[in-house]
Amino acid sequence: MNKMTETKRYAWVVVGLLWVVALLNYMDRQMLSTMKPAMQIDIADLQSATNFGYLMAIFLWIYGFMSPVSGIIADKFNRMWLIIGSLFVWSVVTFAMGYATILPLDLPLEQKRTLIIKRQWIIRL
């Protein structure tokens, strides 16, 4: 196999992997709205459209704020290792969240919001 064919194949493998990463990223962002009914069962305060809107806004504001920060970090480090490390951390945190019991249901709404914000910051970092 010649060098040109290997280079083209490598480029398409990279494109395919980045497409999968982008798909996972978009799917992860949509999970809050997709899981709305289940979250409303577990957290009674989210049954209000206003409170659920606050939750979505908090998530999107943090996401929007951290996106440029992530871009700055990506400009300073090797992108390959940054993507691999990010996928690893994202996978570990997503797995661990399945076992999380950090949000007691008897807390007032403001304390729940604070815990959610802290949890999102930890996840983003």
PDB file of N, CA and C in Angstrom:
ATOM      1  N   MET A   1       0.851  -1.183   0.000  1.00  0.00           N
ATOM      2  CA  MET A   1       0.000   0.000   0.000  1.00  0.00           C
ATOM      3  C   MET A   1       0.896   1.245   0.000  1.00  0.00           C
ATOM      4  N   ASN A   2       0.563   2.180  -0.853  1.00  0.00           N
ATOM      5  CA  ASN A   2       1.439   3.346  -0.945  1.00  0.00           C
ATOM      6  C   ASN A   2       1.099   4.390   0.119  1.00  0.00           C
ATOM      7  N   LYS A   3       1.971   5.353   0.254  1.00  0.00           N
ATOM      8  CA  LYS A   3       1.864   6.383   1.300  1.00  0.00           C
ATOM      9  C   LYS A   3       0.598   7.229   1.152  1.00  0.00           C
ATOM     10  N   MET A   4       0.216   7.550  -0.088  1.00  0.00           N
ATOM     11  CA  MET A   4      -0.963   8.382  -0.330  1.00  0.00           C
ATOM     12  C   MET A   4      -2.242   7.678   0.131  1.00  0.00           C
ATOM     13  N   THR A   5      -2.350   6.392  -0.121  1.00  0.00           N
ATOM     14  CA  THR A   5      -3.535   5.630   0.291  1.00  0.00           C
ATOM     15  C   THR A   5      -3.621   5.564   1.812  1.00  0.00           C
ATOM     16  N   GLU A   6      -2.485   5.338   2.467  1.00  0.00           N
ATOM     17  CA  GLU A   6      -2.468   5.294   3.929  1.00  0.00           C
ATOM     18  C   GLU A   6      -2.877   6.640   4.533  1.00  0.00           C
ATOM     19  N   THR A   7      -2.405   7.725   3.956  1.00  0.00           N
ATOM     20  CA  THR A   7      -2.744   9.053   4.449  1.00  0.00           C
ATOM     21  C   THR A   7      -4.239   9.321   4.310  1.00  0.00           C
ATOM     22  N   LYS A   8      -4.823   8.953   3.167  1.00  0.00           N
ATOM     23  CA  LYS A   8      -6.269   9.145   2.966  1.00  0.00           C
ATOM     24  C   LYS A   8      -7.071   8.284   3.928  1.00  0.00           C
ATOM     25  N   ARG A   9      -6.642   7.056   4.112  1.00  0.00           N
ATOM     26  CA  ARG A   9      -7.361   6.171   5.032  1.00  0.00           C
ATOM     27  C   ARG A   9      -7.301   6.720   6.450  1.00  0.00           C
ATOM     28  N   TYR A  10      -6.125   7.160   6.883  1.00  0.00           N
ATOM     29  CA  TYR A  10      -5.967   7.734   8.220  1.00  0.00           C
ATOM     30  C   TYR A  10      -6.871   8.952   8.400  1.00  0.00           C
ATOM     31  N   ALA A  11      -6.911   9.809   7.371  1.00  0.00           N
ATOM     32  CA  ALA A  11      -7.745  11.008   7.453  1.00  0.00           C
ATOM     33  C   ALA A  11      -9.215  10.629   7.630  1.00  0.00           C
ATOM     34  N   TRP A  12      -9.694   9.626   6.913  1.00  0.00           N
ATOM     35  CA  TRP A  12     -11.100   9.219   7.039  1.00  0.00           C
ATOM     36  C   TRP A  12     -11.379   8.538   8.373  1.00  0.00           C
ATOM     37  N   VAL A  13     -10.401   7.834   8.906  1.00  0.00           N
ATOM     38  CA  VAL A  13     -10.577   7.240  10.238  1.00  0.00           C
ATOM     39  C   VAL A  13     -10.715   8.352  11.276  1.00  0.00           C
ATOM     40  N   VAL A  14      -9.884   9.381  11.172  1.00  0.00           N
ATOM     41  CA  VAL A  14      -9.964  10.515  12.094  1.00  0.00           C
ATOM     42  C   VAL A  14     -11.317  11.222  11.958  1.00  0.00           C
ATOM     43  N   VAL A  15     -11.768  11.435  10.723  1.00  0.00           N
ATOM     44  CA  VAL A  15     -13.070  12.071  10.502  1.00  0.00           C
ATOM     45  C   VAL A  15     -14.178  11.219  11.126  1.00  0.00           C
ATOM     46  N   GLY A  16     -14.117   9.910  10.931  1.00  0.00           N
ATOM     47  CA  GLY A  16     -15.123   9.018  11.504  1.00  0.00           C
ATOM     48  C   GLY A  16     -15.138   9.069  13.026  1.00  0.00           C
ATOM     49  N   LEU A  17     -13.970   9.051  13.628  1.00  0.00           N
ATOM     50  CA  LEU A  17     -13.891   9.114  15.092  1.00  0.00           C
ATOM     51  C   LEU A  17     -14.401  10.455  15.623  1.00  0.00           C
ATOM     52  N   LEU A  18     -14.035  11.541  14.962  1.00  0.00           N
ATOM     53  CA  LEU A  18     -14.515  12.852  15.395  1.00  0.00           C
ATOM     54  C   LEU A  18     -16.029  12.971  15.215  1.00  0.00           C
ATOM     55  N   TRP A  19     -16.584  12.331  14.184  1.00  0.00           N
ATOM     56  CA  TRP A  19     -18.034  12.336  13.988  1.00  0.00           C
ATOM     57  C   TRP A  19     -18.727  11.629  15.152  1.00  0.00           C
ATOM     58  N   VAL A  20     -18.167  10.492  15.574  1.00  0.00           N
ATOM     59  CA  VAL A  20     -18.744   9.765  16.711  1.00  0.00           C
ATOM     60  C   VAL A  20     -18.660  10.618  17.977  1.00  0.00           C
ATOM     61  N   VAL A  21     -17.542  11.275  18.196  1.00  0.00           N
ATOM     62  CA  VAL A  21     -17.379  12.142  19.371  1.00  0.00           C
ATOM     63  C   VAL A  21     -18.395  13.282  19.322  1.00  0.00           C
ATOM     64  N   ALA A  22     -18.573  13.905  18.161  1.00  0.00           N
ATOM     65  CA  ALA A  22     -19.544  14.994  18.030  1.00  0.00           C
ATOM     66  C   ALA A  22     -20.966  14.492  18.286  1.00  0.00           C
ATOM     67  N   LEU A  23     -21.280  13.301  17.781  1.00  0.00           N
ATOM     68  CA  LEU A  23     -22.599  12.721  18.012  1.00  0.00           C
ATOM     69  C   LEU A  23     -22.844  12.500  19.504  1.00  0.00           C
ATOM     70  N   LEU A  24     -21.856  11.928  20.187  1.00  0.00           N
ATOM     71  CA  LEU A  24     -21.988  11.732  21.633  1.00  0.00           C
ATOM     72  C   LEU A  24     -22.154  13.061  22.364  1.00  0.00           C
ATOM     73  N   ASN A  25     -21.434  14.077  21.912  1.00  0.00           N
ATOM     74  CA  ASN A  25     -21.527  15.401  22.516  1.00  0.00           C
ATOM     75  C   ASN A  25     -22.948  15.955  22.388  1.00  0.00           C
ATOM     76  N   TYR A  26     -23.515  15.896  21.201  1.00  0.00           N
ATOM     77  CA  TYR A  26     -24.872  16.414  21.008  1.00  0.00           C
ATOM     78  C   TYR A  26     -25.900  15.585  21.765  1.00  0.00           C
ATOM     79  N   MET A  27     -25.717  14.275  21.780  1.00  0.00           N
ATOM     80  CA  MET A  27     -26.651  13.419  22.515  1.00  0.00           C
ATOM     81  C   MET A  27     -26.582  13.722  24.008  1.00  0.00           C
ATOM     82  N   ASP A  28     -25.391  13.941  24.521  1.00  0.00           N
ATOM     83  CA  ASP A  28     -25.217  14.242  25.945  1.00  0.00           C
ATOM     84  C   ASP A  28     -25.899  15.559  26.308  1.00  0.00           C
ATOM     85  N   ARG A  29     -25.796  16.548  25.416  1.00  0.00           N
ATOM     86  CA  ARG A  29     -26.435  17.838  25.675  1.00  0.00           C
ATOM     87  C   ARG A  29     -27.956  17.738  25.701  1.00  0.00           C
ATOM     88  N   GLN A  30     -28.503  16.804  24.952  1.00  0.00           N
ATOM     89  CA  GLN A  30     -29.960  16.679  24.875  1.00  0.00           C
ATOM     90  C   GLN A  30     -30.546  15.831  26.001  1.00  0.00           C
ATOM     91  N   MET A  31     -29.702  15.224  26.819  1.00  0.00           N
ATOM     92  CA  MET A  31     -30.211  14.312  27.846  1.00  0.00           C
ATOM     93  C   MET A  31     -31.107  15.000  28.879  1.00  0.00           C
ATOM     94  N   LEU A  32     -30.809  16.238  29.245  1.00  0.00           N
ATOM     95  CA  LEU A  32     -31.650  16.913  30.231  1.00  0.00           C
ATOM     96  C   LEU A  32     -33.085  17.032  29.743  1.00  0.00           C
ATOM     97  N   SER A  33     -33.264  17.480  28.511  1.00  0.00           N
ATOM     98  CA  SER A  33     -34.635  17.635  28.015  1.00  0.00           C
ATOM     99  C   SER A  33     -35.287  16.281  27.744  1.00  0.00           C
ATOM    100  N   THR A  34     -34.506  15.299  27.342  1.00  0.00           N
ATOM    101  CA  THR A  34     -35.050  13.964  27.093  1.00  0.00           C
ATOM    102  C   THR A  34     -35.500  13.298  28.385  1.00  0.00           C
ATOM    103  N   MET A  35     -34.767  13.533  29.452  1.00  0.00           N
ATOM    104  CA  MET A  35     -35.058  12.884  30.733  1.00  0.00           C
ATOM    105  C   MET A  35     -36.015  13.697  31.609  1.00  0.00           C
ATOM    106  N   LYS A  36     -36.638  14.712  31.048  1.00  0.00           N
ATOM    107  CA  LYS A  36     -37.521  15.585  31.829  1.00  0.00           C
ATOM    108  C   LYS A  36     -38.581  14.814  32.614  1.00  0.00           C
ATOM    109  N   PRO A  37     -39.339  13.878  32.001  1.00  0.00           N
ATOM    110  CA  PRO A  37     -40.369  13.177  32.783  1.00  0.00           C
ATOM    111  C   PRO A  37     -39.794  12.389  33.966  1.00  0.00           C
ATOM    112  N   ALA A  38     -38.677  11.712  33.755  1.00  0.00           N
ATOM    113  CA  ALA A  38     -38.073  10.934  34.841  1.00  0.00           C
ATOM    114  C   ALA A  38     -37.543  11.850  35.937  1.00  0.00           C
ATOM    115  N   MET A  39     -36.971  12.983  35.545  1.00  0.00           N
ATOM    116  CA  MET A  39     -36.459  13.925  36.533  1.00  0.00           C
ATOM    117  C   MET A  39     -37.596  14.545  37.335  1.00  0.00           C
ATOM    118  N   GLN A  40     -38.731  14.788  36.688  1.00  0.00           N
ATOM    119  CA  GLN A  40     -39.874  15.373  37.385  1.00  0.00           C
ATOM    120  C   GLN A  40     -40.446  14.413  38.417  1.00  0.00           C
ATOM    121  N   ILE A  41     -40.318  13.120  38.175  1.00  0.00           N
ATOM    122  CA  ILE A  41     -40.774  12.134  39.159  1.00  0.00           C
ATOM    123  C   ILE A  41     -39.864  12.177  40.387  1.00  0.00           C
ATOM    124  N   ASP A  42     -38.553  12.250  40.155  1.00  0.00           N
ATOM    125  CA  ASP A  42     -37.592  12.226  41.254  1.00  0.00           C
ATOM    126  C   ASP A  42     -37.492  13.559  41.992  1.00  0.00           C
ATOM    127  N   ILE A  43     -37.641  14.660  41.282  1.00  0.00           N
ATOM    128  CA  ILE A  43     -37.491  15.990  41.881  1.00  0.00           C
ATOM    129  C   ILE A  43     -38.789  16.759  41.630  1.00  0.00           C
ATOM    130  N   ALA A  44     -39.621  16.812  42.644  1.00  0.00           N
ATOM    131  CA  ALA A  44     -40.957  17.401  42.496  1.00  0.00           C
ATOM    132  C   ALA A  44     -40.901  18.864  42.063  1.00  0.00           C
ATOM    133  N   ASP A  45     -39.880  19.605  42.476  1.00  0.00           N
ATOM    134  CA  ASP A  45     -39.787  21.021  42.121  1.00  0.00           C
ATOM    135  C   ASP A  45     -39.644  21.232  40.615  1.00  0.00           C
ATOM    136  N   LEU A  46     -39.181  20.209  39.900  1.00  0.00           N
ATOM    137  CA  LEU A  46     -39.004  20.351  38.453  1.00  0.00           C
ATOM    138  C   LEU A  46     -40.310  20.181  37.691  1.00  0.00           C
ATOM    139  N   GLN A  47     -41.403  19.902  38.378  1.00  0.00           N
ATOM    140  CA  GLN A  47     -42.682  19.785  37.695  1.00  0.00           C
ATOM    141  C   GLN A  47     -43.155  21.139  37.193  1.00  0.00           C
ATOM    142  N   SER A  48     -42.658  22.194  37.798  1.00  0.00           N
ATOM    143  CA  SER A  48     -42.955  23.542  37.329  1.00  0.00           C
ATOM    144  C   SER A  48     -42.115  23.817  36.081  1.00  0.00           C
ATOM    145  N   ALA A  49     -42.765  24.334  35.046  1.00  0.00           N
ATOM    146  CA  ALA A  49     -42.041  24.653  33.804  1.00  0.00           C
ATOM    147  C   ALA A  49     -40.968  25.712  34.058  1.00  0.00           C
ATOM    148  N   THR A  50     -41.249  26.622  34.967  1.00  0.00           N
ATOM    149  CA  THR A  50     -40.279  27.675  35.296  1.00  0.00           C
ATOM    150  C   THR A  50     -39.017  27.069  35.905  1.00  0.00           C
ATOM    151  N   ASN A  51     -39.188  26.179  36.874  1.00  0.00           N
ATOM    152  CA  ASN A  51     -38.022  25.570  37.519  1.00  0.00           C
ATOM    153  C   ASN A  51     -37.242  24.699  36.552  1.00  0.00           C
ATOM    154  N   PHE A  52     -37.940  23.975  35.689  1.00  0.00           N
ATOM    155  CA  PHE A  52     -37.224  23.175  34.697  1.00  0.00           C
ATOM    156  C   PHE A  52     -36.486  24.086  33.718  1.00  0.00           C
ATOM    157  N   GLY A  53     -37.097  25.221  33.405  1.00  0.00           N
ATOM    158  CA  GLY A  53     -36.422  26.207  32.565  1.00  0.00           C
ATOM    159  C   GLY A  53     -35.158  26.748  33.219  1.00  0.00           C
ATOM    160  N   TYR A  54     -35.212  26.973  34.541  1.00  0.00           N
ATOM    161  CA  TYR A  54     -34.010  27.393  35.260  1.00  0.00           C
ATOM    162  C   TYR A  54     -32.906  26.346  35.146  1.00  0.00           C
ATOM    163  N   LEU A  55     -33.273  25.097  35.319  1.00  0.00           N
ATOM    164  CA  LEU A  55     -32.290  24.012  35.216  1.00  0.00           C
ATOM    165  C   LEU A  55     -31.646  23.998  33.834  1.00  0.00           C
ATOM    166  N   MET A  56     -32.470  24.091  32.797  1.00  0.00           N
ATOM    167  CA  MET A  56     -31.939  24.088  31.424  1.00  0.00           C
ATOM    168  C   MET A  56     -31.062  25.319  31.179  1.00  0.00           C
ATOM    169  N   ALA A  57     -31.494  26.465  31.694  1.00  0.00           N
ATOM    170  CA  ALA A  57     -30.713  27.693  31.507  1.00  0.00           C
ATOM    171  C   ALA A  57     -29.361  27.601  32.205  1.00  0.00           C
ATOM    172  N   ILE A  58     -29.357  27.080  33.431  1.00  0.00           N
ATOM    173  CA  ILE A  58     -28.098  26.926  34.167  1.00  0.00           C
ATOM    174  C   ILE A  58     -27.143  26.030  33.380  1.00  0.00           C
ATOM    175  N   PHE A  59     -27.672  24.912  32.901  1.00  0.00           N
ATOM    176  CA  PHE A  59     -26.833  23.992  32.129  1.00  0.00           C
ATOM    177  C   PHE A  59     -26.281  24.680  30.884  1.00  0.00           C
ATOM    178  N   LEU A  60     -27.127  25.359  30.133  1.00  0.00           N
ATOM    179  CA  LEU A  60     -26.679  25.975  28.885  1.00  0.00           C
ATOM    180  C   LEU A  60     -25.741  27.150  29.121  1.00  0.00           C
ATOM    181  N   TRP A  61     -25.953  27.926  30.190  1.00  0.00           N
ATOM    182  CA  TRP A  61     -25.034  29.017  30.495  1.00  0.00           C
ATOM    183  C   TRP A  61     -23.649  28.489  30.859  1.00  0.00           C
ATOM    184  N   ILE A  62     -23.621  27.459  31.670  1.00  0.00           N
ATOM    185  CA  ILE A  62     -22.326  26.857  32.025  1.00  0.00           C
ATOM    186  C   ILE A  62     -21.671  26.266  30.791  1.00  0.00           C
ATOM    187  N   TYR A  63     -22.451  25.592  29.981  1.00  0.00           N
ATOM    188  CA  TYR A  63     -21.929  25.006  28.740  1.00  0.00           C
ATOM    189  C   TYR A  63     -21.382  26.106  27.825  1.00  0.00           C
ATOM    190  N   GLY A  64     -22.164  27.171  27.675  1.00  0.00           N
ATOM    191  CA  GLY A  64     -21.726  28.274  26.828  1.00  0.00           C
ATOM    192  C   GLY A  64     -20.485  28.975  27.357  1.00  0.00           C
ATOM    193  N   PHE A  65     -20.388  29.125  28.663  1.00  0.00           N
ATOM    194  CA  PHE A  65     -19.222  29.769  29.257  1.00  0.00           C
ATOM    195  C   PHE A  65     -17.972  28.899  29.107  1.00  0.00           C
ATOM    196  N   MET A  66     -18.135  27.605  29.297  1.00  0.00           N
ATOM    197  CA  MET A  66     -16.983  26.713  29.273  1.00  0.00           C
ATOM    198  C   MET A  66     -16.499  26.386  27.858  1.00  0.00           C
ATOM    199  N   SER A  67     -17.345  26.578  26.848  1.00  0.00           N
ATOM    200  CA  SER A  67     -16.928  26.266  25.474  1.00  0.00           C
ATOM    201  C   SER A  67     -15.715  27.095  25.029  1.00  0.00           C
ATOM    202  N   PRO A  68     -15.723  28.418  25.177  1.00  0.00           N
ATOM    203  CA  PRO A  68     -14.522  29.168  24.797  1.00  0.00           C
ATOM    204  C   PRO A  68     -13.312  28.827  25.674  1.00  0.00           C
ATOM    205  N   VAL A  69     -13.564  28.571  26.945  1.00  0.00           N
ATOM    206  CA  VAL A  69     -12.461  28.175  27.836  1.00  0.00           C
ATOM    207  C   VAL A  69     -11.834  26.876  27.324  1.00  0.00           C
ATOM    208  N   SER A  70     -12.684  25.945  26.929  1.00  0.00           N
ATOM    209  CA  SER A  70     -12.188  24.683  26.384  1.00  0.00           C
ATOM    210  C   SER A  70     -11.410  24.918  25.097  1.00  0.00           C
ATOM    211  N   GLY A  71     -11.864  25.867  24.278  1.00  0.00           N
ATOM    212  CA  GLY A  71     -11.146  26.195  23.049  1.00  0.00           C
ATOM    213  C   GLY A  71      -9.764  26.751  23.321  1.00  0.00           C
ATOM    214  N   ILE A  72      -9.664  27.590  24.345  1.00  0.00           N
ATOM    215  CA  ILE A  72      -8.359  28.146  24.726  1.00  0.00           C
ATOM    216  C   ILE A  72      -7.426  27.025  25.188  1.00  0.00           C
ATOM    217  N   ILE A  73      -7.971  26.121  25.985  1.00  0.00           N
ATOM    218  CA  ILE A  73      -7.177  24.982  26.449  1.00  0.00           C
ATOM    219  C   ILE A  73      -6.740  24.124  25.260  1.00  0.00           C
ATOM    220  N   ALA A  74      -7.648  23.914  24.311  1.00  0.00           N
ATOM    221  CA  ALA A  74      -7.333  23.092  23.131  1.00  0.00           C
ATOM    222  C   ALA A  74      -6.229  23.717  22.290  1.00  0.00           C
ATOM    223  N   ASP A  75      -6.144  25.044  22.289  1.00  0.00           N
ATOM    224  CA  ASP A  75      -5.078  25.705  21.532  1.00  0.00           C
ATOM    225  C   ASP A  75      -3.713  25.552  22.189  1.00  0.00           C
ATOM    226  N   LYS A  76      -3.692  25.253  23.481  1.00  0.00           N
ATOM    227  CA  LYS A  76      -2.422  25.201  24.207  1.00  0.00           C
ATOM    228  C   LYS A  76      -1.854  23.788  24.363  1.00  0.00           C
ATOM    229  N   PHE A  77      -2.690  22.754  24.135  1.00  0.00           N
ATOM    230  CA  PHE A  77      -2.242  21.379  24.345  1.00  0.00           C
ATOM    231  C   PHE A  77      -2.425  20.548  23.084  1.00  0.00           C
ATOM    232  N   ASN A  78      -1.782  19.399  23.058  1.00  0.00           N
ATOM    233  CA  ASN A  78      -1.907  18.460  21.945  1.00  0.00           C
ATOM    234  C   ASN A  78      -3.359  17.998  21.843  1.00  0.00           C
ATOM    235  N   ARG A  79      -3.989  18.255  20.713  1.00  0.00           N
ATOM    236  CA  ARG A  79      -5.421  17.968  20.556  1.00  0.00           C
ATOM    237  C   ARG A  79      -5.742  16.485  20.665  1.00  0.00           C
ATOM    238  N   MET A  80      -4.877  15.631  20.146  1.00  0.00           N
ATOM    239  CA  MET A  80      -5.147  14.204  20.202  1.00  0.00           C
ATOM    240  C   MET A  80      -5.281  13.742  21.655  1.00  0.00           C
ATOM    241  N   TRP A  81      -4.323  14.140  22.493  1.00  0.00           N
ATOM    242  CA  TRP A  81      -4.371  13.712  23.891  1.00  0.00           C
ATOM    243  C   TRP A  81      -5.486  14.416  24.654  1.00  0.00           C
ATOM    244  N   LEU A  82      -5.804  15.632  24.252  1.00  0.00           N
ATOM    245  CA  LEU A  82      -6.905  16.359  24.882  1.00  0.00           C
ATOM    246  C   LEU A  82      -8.243  15.670  24.598  1.00  0.00           C
ATOM    247  N   ILE A  83      -8.443  15.232  23.353  1.00  0.00           N
ATOM    248  CA  ILE A  83      -9.676  14.525  22.996  1.00  0.00           C
ATOM    249  C   ILE A  83      -9.747  13.184  23.708  1.00  0.00           C
ATOM    250  N   ILE A  84      -8.646  12.447  23.711  1.00  0.00           N
ATOM    251  CA  ILE A  84      -8.623  11.147  24.394  1.00  0.00           C
ATOM    252  C   ILE A  84      -8.879  11.331  25.888  1.00  0.00           C
ATOM    253  N   GLY A  85      -8.197  12.303  26.494  1.00  0.00           N
ATOM    254  CA  GLY A  85      -8.401  12.564  27.921  1.00  0.00           C
ATOM    255  C   GLY A  85      -9.819  13.014  28.231  1.00  0.00           C
ATOM    256  N   SER A  86     -10.371  13.873  27.388  1.00  0.00           N
ATOM    257  CA  SER A  86     -11.745  14.344  27.593  1.00  0.00           C
ATOM    258  C   SER A  86     -12.742  13.205  27.498  1.00  0.00           C
ATOM    259  N   LEU A  87     -12.563  12.332  26.513  1.00  0.00           N
ATOM    260  CA  LEU A  87     -13.455  11.176  26.383  1.00  0.00           C
ATOM    261  C   LEU A  87     -13.352  10.259  27.594  1.00  0.00           C
ATOM    262  N   PHE A  88     -12.137  10.075  28.084  1.00  0.00           N
ATOM    263  CA  PHE A  88     -11.947   9.224  29.257  1.00  0.00           C
ATOM    264  C   PHE A  88     -12.636   9.830  30.477  1.00  0.00           C
ATOM    265  N   VAL A  89     -12.394  11.119  30.732  1.00  0.00           N
ATOM    266  CA  VAL A  89     -13.007  11.778  31.886  1.00  0.00           C
ATOM    267  C   VAL A  89     -14.527  11.784  31.743  1.00  0.00           C
ATOM    268  N   TRP A  90     -15.033  12.096  30.550  1.00  0.00           N
ATOM    269  CA  TRP A  90     -16.474  12.115  30.310  1.00  0.00           C
ATOM    270  C   TRP A  90     -17.075  10.737  30.583  1.00  0.00           C
ATOM    271  N   SER A  91     -16.402   9.688  30.125  1.00  0.00           N
ATOM    272  CA  SER A  91     -16.913   8.327  30.334  1.00  0.00           C
ATOM    273  C   SER A  91     -16.932   7.960  31.814  1.00  0.00           C
ATOM    274  N   VAL A  92     -15.865   8.274  32.526  1.00  0.00           N
ATOM    275  CA  VAL A  92     -15.793   7.952  33.952  1.00  0.00           C
ATOM    276  C   VAL A  92     -16.861   8.721  34.730  1.00  0.00           C
ATOM    277  N   VAL A  93     -17.009  10.015  34.440  1.00  0.00           N
ATOM    278  CA  VAL A  93     -17.991  10.828  35.155  1.00  0.00           C
ATOM    279  C   VAL A  93     -19.413  10.363  34.834  1.00  0.00           C
ATOM    280  N   THR A  94     -19.674  10.056  33.566  1.00  0.00           N
ATOM    281  CA  THR A  94     -21.000   9.567  33.184  1.00  0.00           C
ATOM    282  C   THR A  94     -21.309   8.254  33.890  1.00  0.00           C
ATOM    283  N   PHE A  95     -20.339   7.363  33.947  1.00  0.00           N
ATOM    284  CA  PHE A  95     -20.517   6.087  34.649  1.00  0.00           C
ATOM    285  C   PHE A  95     -20.770   6.324  36.141  1.00  0.00           C
ATOM    286  N   ALA A  96     -19.967   7.195  36.739  1.00  0.00           N
ATOM    287  CA  ALA A  96     -20.099   7.467  38.174  1.00  0.00           C
ATOM    288  C   ALA A  96     -21.426   8.131  38.505  1.00  0.00           C
ATOM    289  N   MET A  97     -21.954   8.955  37.593  1.00  0.00           N
ATOM    290  CA  MET A  97     -23.225   9.625  37.860  1.00  0.00           C
ATOM    291  C   MET A  97     -24.372   8.633  37.967  1.00  0.00           C
ATOM    292  N   GLY A  98     -24.210   7.469  37.368  1.00  0.00           N
ATOM    293  CA  GLY A  98     -25.231   6.437  37.507  1.00  0.00           C
ATOM    294  C   GLY A  98     -25.354   5.937  38.934  1.00  0.00           C
ATOM    295  N   TYR A  99     -24.310   6.103  39.705  1.00  0.00           N
ATOM    296  CA  TYR A  99     -24.297   5.661  41.099  1.00  0.00           C
ATOM    297  C   TYR A  99     -24.412   6.824  42.085  1.00  0.00           C
ATOM    298  N   ALA A 100     -24.569   8.042  41.572  1.00  0.00           N
ATOM    299  CA  ALA A 100     -24.578   9.227  42.428  1.00  0.00           C
ATOM    300  C   ALA A 100     -25.873   9.318  43.217  1.00  0.00           C
ATOM    301  N   THR A 101     -25.739   9.701  44.477  1.00  0.00           N
ATOM    302  CA  THR A 101     -26.896   9.961  45.328  1.00  0.00           C
ATOM    303  C   THR A 101     -26.682  11.282  46.065  1.00  0.00           C
ATOM    304  N   ILE A 102     -26.094  12.241  45.388  1.00  0.00           N
ATOM    305  CA  ILE A 102     -25.688  13.486  46.026  1.00  0.00           C
ATOM    306  C   ILE A 102     -26.841  14.470  46.195  1.00  0.00           C
ATOM    307  N   LEU A 103     -27.955  14.277  45.534  1.00  0.00           N
ATOM    308  CA  LEU A 103     -29.017  15.269  45.541  1.00  0.00           C
ATOM    309  C   LEU A 103     -30.214  14.769  46.338  1.00  0.00           C
ATOM    310  N   PRO A 104     -30.217  15.014  47.658  1.00  0.00           N
ATOM    311  CA  PRO A 104     -31.359  14.575  48.465  1.00  0.00           C
ATOM    312  C   PRO A 104     -32.638  15.281  48.020  1.00  0.00           C
ATOM    313  N   LEU A 105     -33.735  14.565  48.046  1.00  0.00           N
ATOM    314  CA  LEU A 105     -34.988  15.111  47.546  1.00  0.00           C
ATOM    315  C   LEU A 105     -35.654  16.068  48.516  1.00  0.00           C
ATOM    316  N   ASP A 106     -35.238  16.080  49.774  1.00  0.00           N
ATOM    317  CA  ASP A 106     -35.911  16.933  50.749  1.00  0.00           C
ATOM    318  C   ASP A 106     -35.258  18.313  50.902  1.00  0.00           C
ATOM    319  N   LEU A 107     -34.293  18.642  50.057  1.00  0.00           N
ATOM    320  CA  LEU A 107     -33.662  19.961  50.120  1.00  0.00           C
ATOM    321  C   LEU A 107     -34.554  21.011  49.479  1.00  0.00           C
ATOM    322  N   PRO A 108     -34.471  22.261  49.942  1.00  0.00           N
ATOM    323  CA  PRO A 108     -35.179  23.345  49.263  1.00  0.00           C
ATOM    324  C   PRO A 108     -34.621  23.531  47.847  1.00  0.00           C
ATOM    325  N   LEU A 109     -35.432  24.103  46.969  1.00  0.00           N
ATOM    326  CA  LEU A 109     -35.061  24.243  45.556  1.00  0.00           C
ATOM    327  C   LEU A 109     -33.751  24.997  45.374  1.00  0.00           C
ATOM    328  N   GLU A 110     -33.521  26.056  46.135  1.00  0.00           N
ATOM    329  CA  GLU A 110     -32.308  26.853  45.968  1.00  0.00           C
ATOM    330  C   GLU A 110     -31.050  26.030  46.271  1.00  0.00           C
ATOM    331  N   GLN A 111     -31.116  25.182  47.295  1.00  0.00           N
ATOM    332  CA  GLN A 111     -29.973  24.321  47.612  1.00  0.00           C
ATOM    333  C   GLN A 111     -29.773  23.274  46.521  1.00  0.00           C
ATOM    334  N   LYS A 112     -30.867  22.771  45.958  1.00  0.00           N
ATOM    335  CA  LYS A 112     -30.749  21.810  44.850  1.00  0.00           C
ATOM    336  C   LYS A 112     -30.069  22.466  43.658  1.00  0.00           C
ATOM    337  N   ARG A 113     -30.463  23.710  43.344  1.00  0.00           N
ATOM    338  CA  ARG A 113     -29.839  24.423  42.230  1.00  0.00           C
ATOM    339  C   ARG A 113     -28.342  24.582  42.469  1.00  0.00           C
ATOM    340  N   THR A 114     -27.979  24.934  43.685  1.00  0.00           N
ATOM    341  CA  THR A 114     -26.564  25.107  44.021  1.00  0.00           C
ATOM    342  C   THR A 114     -25.804  23.804  43.833  1.00  0.00           C
ATOM    343  N   LEU A 115     -26.371  22.692  44.295  1.00  0.00           N
ATOM    344  CA  LEU A 115     -25.712  21.398  44.118  1.00  0.00           C
ATOM    345  C   LEU A 115     -25.600  21.023  42.647  1.00  0.00           C
ATOM    346  N   ILE A 116     -26.638  21.314  41.869  1.00  0.00           N
ATOM    347  CA  ILE A 116     -26.600  21.007  40.437  1.00  0.00           C
ATOM    348  C   ILE A 116     -25.518  21.830  39.755  1.00  0.00           C
ATOM    349  N   ILE A 117     -25.414  23.117  40.108  1.00  0.00           N
ATOM    350  CA  ILE A 117     -24.384  23.968  39.516  1.00  0.00           C
ATOM    351  C   ILE A 117     -22.998  23.434  39.864  1.00  0.00           C
ATOM    352  N   LYS A 118     -22.784  23.083  41.132  1.00  0.00           N
ATOM    353  CA  LYS A 118     -21.480  22.547  41.542  1.00  0.00           C
ATOM    354  C   LYS A 118     -21.177  21.253  40.803  1.00  0.00           C
ATOM    355  N   ARG A 119     -22.175  20.392  40.672  1.00  0.00           N
ATOM    356  CA  ARG A 119     -21.979  19.125  39.974  1.00  0.00           C
ATOM    357  C   ARG A 119     -21.624  19.379  38.515  1.00  0.00           C
ATOM    358  N   GLN A 120     -22.290  20.335  37.857  1.00  0.00           N
ATOM    359  CA  GLN A 120     -21.990  20.631  36.465  1.00  0.00           C
ATOM    360  C   GLN A 120     -20.592  21.196  36.298  1.00  0.00           C
ATOM    361  N   TRP A 121     -20.154  22.058  37.236  1.00  0.00           N
ATOM    362  CA  TRP A 121     -18.796  22.593  37.166  1.00  0.00           C
ATOM    363  C   TRP A 121     -17.771  21.473  37.279  1.00  0.00           C
ATOM    364  N   ILE A 122     -18.022  20.539  38.178  1.00  0.00           N
ATOM    365  CA  ILE A 122     -17.100  19.415  38.355  1.00  0.00           C
ATOM    366  C   ILE A 122     -17.042  18.587  37.080  1.00  0.00           C
ATOM    367  N   ILE A 123     -18.207  18.340  36.494  1.00  0.00           N
ATOM    368  CA  ILE A 123     -18.260  17.552  35.260  1.00  0.00           C
ATOM    369  C   ILE A 123     -17.515  18.273  34.144  1.00  0.00           C
ATOM    370  N   ARG A 124     -17.724  19.571  33.994  1.00  0.00           N
ATOM    371  CA  ARG A 124     -17.073  20.320  32.914  1.00  0.00           C
ATOM    372  C   ARG A 124     -15.563  20.381  33.091  1.00  0.00           C
ATOM    373  N   LEU A 125     -15.116  20.469  34.347  1.00  0.00           N
ATOM    374  CA  LEU A 125     -13.670  20.523  34.586  1.00  0.00           C
ATOM    375  C   LEU A 125     -13.053  19.174  34.313  1.00  0.00           C
TER     376      LEU A 125
END
